[in-house]
């Protein structure tokens, strides 16, 4: 099975589980802190995480924090399970089975929708 993670939307993360080329489950997660629990739920009754053969994550567009969280979860799960993590892009609002199945780029580079703003700007002091 393949687990696909789409963290582009700041209001939700979409999880898609595929068996071969068929989408068998989807789940929207409103709270990114609850993503791991949602992954566990989507895998429950389907053999658990041990049945996963790869994990795909959308790496382009979307908020910096959301994409970063999706990439971190995909990489951590892939490392723990000894399976590949792959990067891909969805063209539309919803993924197609073909887009997920064709995800093949190694998860090495991430493209954000804008410049990451993760530090506080330095204050200018008057002299």
N, C-alpha and C. Protein backbone atom coordinates (compact mmCIF):
# COMPACT_ATOMS: atom_id res chain seq x y z
N UNK A 1 0.84 -1.18 0.00
CA UNK A 1 0.00 0.00 0.00
C UNK A 1 0.88 1.25 0.00
N UNK A 2 0.30 2.33 -0.44
CA UNK A 2 0.97 3.63 -0.47
C UNK A 2 0.16 4.62 0.35
N UNK A 3 0.84 5.38 1.19
CA UNK A 3 0.21 6.47 1.93
C UNK A 3 0.67 7.77 1.30
N UNK A 4 -0.28 8.60 0.89
CA UNK A 4 0.04 9.91 0.32
C UNK A 4 -0.40 10.99 1.31
N UNK A 5 0.46 12.00 1.48
CA UNK A 5 0.19 13.10 2.40
C UNK A 5 0.20 14.39 1.61
N UNK A 6 -0.89 15.16 1.69
CA UNK A 6 -0.97 16.46 1.03
C UNK A 6 -1.15 17.54 2.10
N UNK A 7 -0.05 18.20 2.49
CA UNK A 7 -0.13 19.21 3.55
C UNK A 7 -0.23 20.65 3.03
N UNK A 8 -0.57 20.85 1.74
CA UNK A 8 -0.55 22.19 1.15
C UNK A 8 -1.53 23.17 1.77
N UNK A 9 -2.71 22.71 2.13
CA UNK A 9 -3.76 23.58 2.65
C UNK A 9 -3.47 23.88 4.12
N UNK A 10 -3.35 25.17 4.50
CA UNK A 10 -3.07 25.47 5.91
C UNK A 10 -4.19 25.04 6.85
N UNK A 11 -5.40 24.83 6.33
CA UNK A 11 -6.53 24.46 7.17
C UNK A 11 -6.72 22.96 7.35
N UNK A 12 -6.05 22.16 6.51
CA UNK A 12 -6.21 20.71 6.62
C UNK A 12 -5.08 20.00 5.90
N UNK A 13 -4.86 18.77 6.30
CA UNK A 13 -3.94 17.88 5.60
C UNK A 13 -4.77 16.72 5.09
N UNK A 14 -4.58 16.36 3.85
CA UNK A 14 -5.31 15.23 3.27
C UNK A 14 -4.41 14.01 3.26
N UNK A 15 -4.93 12.90 3.77
CA UNK A 15 -4.25 11.61 3.73
C UNK A 15 -5.00 10.72 2.75
N UNK A 16 -4.26 10.04 1.88
CA UNK A 16 -4.87 9.13 0.91
C UNK A 16 -4.12 7.81 1.00
N UNK A 17 -4.87 6.73 1.15
CA UNK A 17 -4.28 5.39 1.21
C UNK A 17 -4.66 4.64 -0.05
N UNK A 18 -3.65 4.07 -0.70
CA UNK A 18 -3.89 3.33 -1.94
C UNK A 18 -3.43 1.89 -1.79
N UNK A 19 -4.16 1.02 -2.44
CA UNK A 19 -3.76 -0.38 -2.56
C UNK A 19 -3.60 -0.63 -4.05
N UNK A 20 -2.38 -0.75 -4.49
CA UNK A 20 -2.12 -0.81 -5.93
C UNK A 20 -2.43 0.53 -6.55
N UNK A 21 -3.32 0.55 -7.54
CA UNK A 21 -3.70 1.80 -8.20
C UNK A 21 -5.10 2.25 -7.78
N UNK A 22 -5.59 1.71 -6.68
CA UNK A 22 -6.95 2.00 -6.21
C UNK A 22 -6.90 2.75 -4.88
N UNK A 23 -7.60 3.88 -4.82
CA UNK A 23 -7.71 4.63 -3.56
C UNK A 23 -8.69 3.88 -2.66
N UNK A 24 -8.22 3.48 -1.48
CA UNK A 24 -9.07 2.70 -0.56
C UNK A 24 -9.56 3.52 0.62
N UNK A 25 -8.91 4.65 0.92
CA UNK A 25 -9.36 5.48 2.04
C UNK A 25 -8.78 6.88 1.91
N UNK A 26 -9.54 7.85 2.36
CA UNK A 26 -9.04 9.23 2.46
C UNK A 26 -9.47 9.76 3.82
N UNK A 27 -8.70 10.70 4.30
CA UNK A 27 -9.02 11.32 5.59
C UNK A 27 -8.46 12.74 5.57
N UNK A 28 -9.28 13.69 5.99
CA UNK A 28 -8.83 15.07 6.14
C UNK A 28 -8.55 15.32 7.61
N UNK A 29 -7.41 15.94 7.88
CA UNK A 29 -6.99 16.23 9.24
C UNK A 29 -6.94 17.74 9.40
N UNK A 30 -7.81 18.28 10.25
CA UNK A 30 -7.84 19.73 10.45
C UNK A 30 -6.70 20.20 11.34
N UNK A 31 -6.34 19.39 12.31
CA UNK A 31 -5.30 19.76 13.27
C UNK A 31 -4.01 19.02 12.91
N UNK A 32 -3.01 19.75 12.44
CA UNK A 32 -1.77 19.10 12.01
C UNK A 32 -1.10 18.35 13.15
N UNK A 33 -1.35 18.76 14.38
CA UNK A 33 -0.78 18.03 15.52
C UNK A 33 -1.40 16.64 15.66
N UNK A 34 -2.56 16.44 15.07
CA UNK A 34 -3.22 15.15 15.14
C UNK A 34 -2.96 14.26 13.93
N UNK A 35 -1.97 14.63 13.12
CA UNK A 35 -1.73 13.89 11.89
C UNK A 35 -1.30 12.45 12.13
N UNK A 36 -0.43 12.22 13.10
CA UNK A 36 0.02 10.84 13.35
C UNK A 36 -1.13 9.96 13.82
N UNK A 37 -2.02 10.50 14.64
CA UNK A 37 -3.19 9.74 15.08
C UNK A 37 -4.09 9.43 13.89
N UNK A 38 -4.22 10.38 12.97
CA UNK A 38 -5.04 10.16 11.77
C UNK A 38 -4.42 9.11 10.86
N UNK A 39 -3.09 9.11 10.76
CA UNK A 39 -2.40 8.08 9.97
C UNK A 39 -2.68 6.71 10.58
N UNK A 40 -2.60 6.63 11.89
CA UNK A 40 -2.88 5.36 12.57
C UNK A 40 -4.31 4.89 12.30
N UNK A 41 -5.27 5.82 12.31
CA UNK A 41 -6.67 5.47 12.07
C UNK A 41 -6.90 5.01 10.63
N UNK A 42 -6.27 5.69 9.68
CA UNK A 42 -6.49 5.32 8.27
C UNK A 42 -5.89 3.95 7.97
N UNK A 43 -4.85 3.56 8.73
CA UNK A 43 -4.22 2.26 8.52
C UNK A 43 -4.89 1.14 9.33
N UNK A 44 -5.66 1.51 10.33
CA UNK A 44 -6.32 0.51 11.18
C UNK A 44 -7.27 -0.34 10.34
N UNK A 45 -7.24 -1.61 10.57
CA UNK A 45 -8.11 -2.52 9.83
C UNK A 45 -7.60 -2.87 8.45
N UNK A 46 -6.46 -2.31 8.09
CA UNK A 46 -5.87 -2.60 6.78
C UNK A 46 -4.47 -3.19 6.94
N UNK A 47 -4.20 -3.74 8.10
CA UNK A 47 -2.91 -4.38 8.32
C UNK A 47 -1.88 -3.52 9.00
N UNK A 48 -2.21 -2.26 9.27
CA UNK A 48 -1.29 -1.37 9.96
C UNK A 48 -0.16 -0.86 9.08
N UNK A 49 0.76 -0.15 9.71
CA UNK A 49 1.86 0.49 8.98
C UNK A 49 2.78 -0.52 8.31
N UNK A 50 2.83 -1.74 8.83
CA UNK A 50 3.69 -2.76 8.24
C UNK A 50 3.31 -3.14 6.82
N UNK A 51 2.10 -2.80 6.40
CA UNK A 51 1.65 -3.11 5.03
C UNK A 51 2.07 -2.03 4.02
N UNK A 52 2.55 -0.90 4.53
CA UNK A 52 2.96 0.17 3.61
C UNK A 52 4.22 -0.22 2.85
N UNK A 53 4.22 0.10 1.55
CA UNK A 53 5.39 -0.15 0.70
C UNK A 53 6.13 1.14 0.37
N UNK A 54 5.41 2.27 0.47
CA UNK A 54 6.04 3.58 0.26
C UNK A 54 5.11 4.67 0.76
N UNK A 55 5.71 5.84 0.94
CA UNK A 55 4.98 7.02 1.39
C UNK A 55 5.29 8.14 0.41
N UNK A 56 4.24 8.83 -0.02
CA UNK A 56 4.42 9.98 -0.90
C UNK A 56 3.95 11.23 -0.20
N UNK A 57 4.60 12.34 -0.48
CA UNK A 57 4.20 13.61 0.13
C UNK A 57 4.31 14.71 -0.92
N UNK A 58 3.31 15.59 -0.93
CA UNK A 58 3.34 16.73 -1.84
C UNK A 58 4.38 17.70 -1.32
N UNK A 59 5.31 18.10 -2.18
CA UNK A 59 6.42 18.94 -1.73
C UNK A 59 6.42 20.32 -2.38
N UNK A 60 5.41 20.66 -3.11
CA UNK A 60 5.39 21.97 -3.75
C UNK A 60 4.12 22.73 -3.45
N UNK A 61 4.28 24.02 -3.25
CA UNK A 61 3.14 24.86 -2.94
C UNK A 61 2.72 24.69 -1.50
N UNK A 62 1.87 25.57 -1.05
CA UNK A 62 1.37 25.45 0.32
C UNK A 62 2.22 26.20 1.32
N UNK A 63 1.79 26.13 2.55
CA UNK A 63 2.48 26.86 3.61
C UNK A 63 3.78 26.16 3.99
N UNK A 64 4.74 26.95 4.41
CA UNK A 64 6.04 26.41 4.80
C UNK A 64 5.88 25.39 5.92
N UNK A 65 5.17 25.77 6.98
CA UNK A 65 5.03 24.88 8.14
C UNK A 65 4.28 23.61 7.79
N UNK A 66 3.22 23.72 7.00
CA UNK A 66 2.44 22.55 6.62
C UNK A 66 3.25 21.57 5.79
N UNK A 67 3.94 22.08 4.78
CA UNK A 67 4.76 21.21 3.92
C UNK A 67 5.88 20.60 4.74
N UNK A 68 6.49 21.39 5.60
CA UNK A 68 7.58 20.88 6.44
C UNK A 68 7.08 19.74 7.33
N UNK A 69 5.92 19.90 7.94
CA UNK A 69 5.37 18.84 8.79
C UNK A 69 5.10 17.58 7.98
N UNK A 70 4.52 17.73 6.80
CA UNK A 70 4.25 16.57 5.96
C UNK A 70 5.52 15.84 5.57
N UNK A 71 6.56 16.60 5.21
CA UNK A 71 7.84 15.99 4.82
C UNK A 71 8.48 15.28 6.02
N UNK A 72 8.45 15.91 7.18
CA UNK A 72 9.06 15.30 8.37
C UNK A 72 8.35 13.99 8.72
N UNK A 73 7.03 14.00 8.70
CA UNK A 73 6.29 12.77 9.02
C UNK A 73 6.57 11.69 7.99
N UNK A 74 6.57 12.05 6.71
CA UNK A 74 6.84 11.06 5.66
C UNK A 74 8.24 10.47 5.81
N UNK A 75 9.22 11.33 6.04
CA UNK A 75 10.60 10.83 6.18
C UNK A 75 10.77 9.97 7.43
N UNK A 76 10.19 10.40 8.53
CA UNK A 76 10.33 9.63 9.78
C UNK A 76 9.67 8.27 9.66
N UNK A 77 8.46 8.23 9.10
CA UNK A 77 7.78 6.95 8.94
C UNK A 77 8.55 6.04 7.98
N UNK A 78 9.02 6.62 6.87
CA UNK A 78 9.76 5.82 5.89
C UNK A 78 11.03 5.25 6.51
N UNK A 79 11.72 6.06 7.30
CA UNK A 79 12.94 5.59 7.95
C UNK A 79 12.63 4.44 8.91
N UNK A 80 11.62 4.63 9.75
CA UNK A 80 11.27 3.61 10.74
C UNK A 80 10.79 2.31 10.10
N UNK A 81 10.08 2.43 8.98
CA UNK A 81 9.52 1.25 8.32
C UNK A 81 10.46 0.65 7.27
N UNK A 82 11.55 1.37 6.95
CA UNK A 82 12.48 0.88 5.94
C UNK A 82 11.89 0.88 4.54
N UNK A 83 11.06 1.88 4.24
CA UNK A 83 10.43 1.99 2.92
C UNK A 83 10.80 3.34 2.31
N UNK A 84 10.63 3.50 0.99
CA UNK A 84 10.98 4.78 0.38
C UNK A 84 9.94 5.86 0.64
N UNK A 85 10.42 7.08 0.76
CA UNK A 85 9.56 8.27 0.80
C UNK A 85 9.76 8.98 -0.53
N UNK A 86 8.68 9.32 -1.19
CA UNK A 86 8.74 9.92 -2.52
C UNK A 86 8.02 11.26 -2.53
N UNK A 87 8.52 12.16 -3.35
CA UNK A 87 7.92 13.48 -3.52
C UNK A 87 7.06 13.48 -4.77
N UNK A 88 5.97 14.22 -4.72
CA UNK A 88 5.16 14.39 -5.92
C UNK A 88 4.31 15.65 -5.81
N UNK A 89 3.71 16.01 -6.92
CA UNK A 89 2.83 17.18 -6.96
C UNK A 89 1.46 16.75 -7.47
N UNK A 90 0.42 17.28 -6.85
CA UNK A 90 -0.93 17.05 -7.36
C UNK A 90 -1.29 18.25 -8.19
N UNK A 91 -1.86 18.00 -9.34
CA UNK A 91 -2.21 19.10 -10.24
C UNK A 91 -3.48 19.83 -9.81
N UNK A 92 -4.43 19.10 -9.28
CA UNK A 92 -5.70 19.70 -8.92
C UNK A 92 -5.94 19.69 -7.43
N UNK A 93 -7.19 19.88 -7.09
CA UNK A 93 -7.59 19.90 -5.68
C UNK A 93 -7.50 18.51 -5.06
N UNK A 94 -7.92 17.51 -5.82
CA UNK A 94 -7.92 16.13 -5.33
C UNK A 94 -6.89 15.31 -6.10
N UNK A 95 -6.23 14.38 -5.45
CA UNK A 95 -5.26 13.55 -6.15
C UNK A 95 -5.95 12.50 -7.00
N UNK A 96 -5.29 12.12 -8.07
CA UNK A 96 -5.78 10.98 -8.83
C UNK A 96 -4.91 9.79 -8.47
N UNK A 97 -5.46 8.61 -8.67
CA UNK A 97 -4.69 7.40 -8.38
C UNK A 97 -3.43 7.36 -9.22
N UNK A 98 -3.52 7.81 -10.47
CA UNK A 98 -2.35 7.80 -11.36
C UNK A 98 -1.26 8.73 -10.84
N UNK A 99 -1.64 9.90 -10.32
CA UNK A 99 -0.63 10.83 -9.80
C UNK A 99 0.09 10.24 -8.60
N UNK A 100 -0.64 9.60 -7.72
CA UNK A 100 -0.02 9.01 -6.54
C UNK A 100 0.85 7.82 -6.94
N UNK A 101 0.33 6.98 -7.83
CA UNK A 101 1.08 5.80 -8.25
C UNK A 101 2.35 6.16 -8.99
N UNK A 102 2.36 7.32 -9.67
CA UNK A 102 3.55 7.71 -10.43
C UNK A 102 4.55 8.49 -9.60
N UNK A 103 4.24 8.76 -8.34
CA UNK A 103 5.17 9.49 -7.49
C UNK A 103 6.47 8.72 -7.41
N UNK A 104 7.54 9.33 -7.86
CA UNK A 104 8.77 8.57 -7.89
C UNK A 104 10.01 9.36 -7.57
N UNK A 105 9.91 10.68 -7.51
CA UNK A 105 11.10 11.47 -7.22
C UNK A 105 11.52 11.24 -5.77
N UNK A 106 12.79 10.96 -5.54
CA UNK A 106 13.23 10.81 -4.15
C UNK A 106 12.94 12.08 -3.36
N UNK A 107 12.62 11.93 -2.12
CA UNK A 107 12.26 13.06 -1.27
C UNK A 107 13.54 13.74 -0.78
N UNK A 108 14.08 14.60 -1.63
CA UNK A 108 15.32 15.28 -1.28
C UNK A 108 15.18 16.79 -1.28
N UNK A 109 14.36 17.33 -2.16
CA UNK A 109 14.19 18.78 -2.23
C UNK A 109 12.73 19.13 -2.02
N UNK A 110 12.52 20.27 -1.41
CA UNK A 110 11.18 20.74 -1.12
C UNK A 110 11.04 22.14 -1.70
N UNK A 111 9.90 22.42 -2.34
CA UNK A 111 9.63 23.76 -2.89
C UNK A 111 8.47 24.36 -2.12
N UNK A 112 8.66 25.54 -1.58
CA UNK A 112 7.62 26.21 -0.82
C UNK A 112 6.95 27.27 -1.68
N UNK A 113 5.72 27.64 -1.32
CA UNK A 113 4.97 28.62 -2.09
C UNK A 113 5.61 30.01 -2.01
N UNK A 114 6.33 30.28 -0.96
CA UNK A 114 6.98 31.57 -0.78
C UNK A 114 8.26 31.40 0.01
N UNK A 115 8.91 32.50 0.27
CA UNK A 115 10.14 32.46 1.04
C UNK A 115 9.82 32.07 2.48
N UNK A 116 10.50 31.07 3.02
CA UNK A 116 10.26 30.70 4.42
C UNK A 116 10.55 31.88 5.35
N UNK A 117 9.65 32.15 6.26
CA UNK A 117 9.82 33.23 7.21
C UNK A 117 9.82 32.60 8.60
N UNK A 118 10.97 32.07 8.99
CA UNK A 118 11.03 31.32 10.24
C UNK A 118 11.84 32.01 11.32
N UNK A 119 12.32 33.18 11.05
CA UNK A 119 13.07 33.92 12.06
C UNK A 119 12.45 35.30 12.23
N UNK A 120 12.65 35.87 13.37
CA UNK A 120 12.16 37.21 13.64
C UNK A 120 13.09 38.21 12.97
N UNK A 121 12.53 39.24 12.35
CA UNK A 121 13.40 40.26 11.76
C UNK A 121 14.17 40.99 12.86
N UNK A 122 15.37 41.38 12.53
CA UNK A 122 16.18 42.12 13.50
C UNK A 122 15.61 43.52 13.66
N UNK A 123 15.58 43.95 14.90
CA UNK A 123 15.11 45.31 15.18
C UNK A 123 16.24 46.28 14.95
N UNK A 124 15.87 47.37 14.40
CA UNK A 124 16.87 48.44 14.26
C UNK A 124 16.83 49.28 15.52
N UNK A 125 17.97 49.57 16.04
CA UNK A 125 18.02 50.41 17.23
C UNK A 125 18.45 51.80 16.83
N UNK A 126 17.87 52.75 17.47
CA UNK A 126 18.23 54.14 17.18
C UNK A 126 19.50 54.49 17.92
N UNK A 127 20.31 55.22 17.27
CA UNK A 127 21.56 55.66 17.90
C UNK A 127 21.64 57.14 17.94
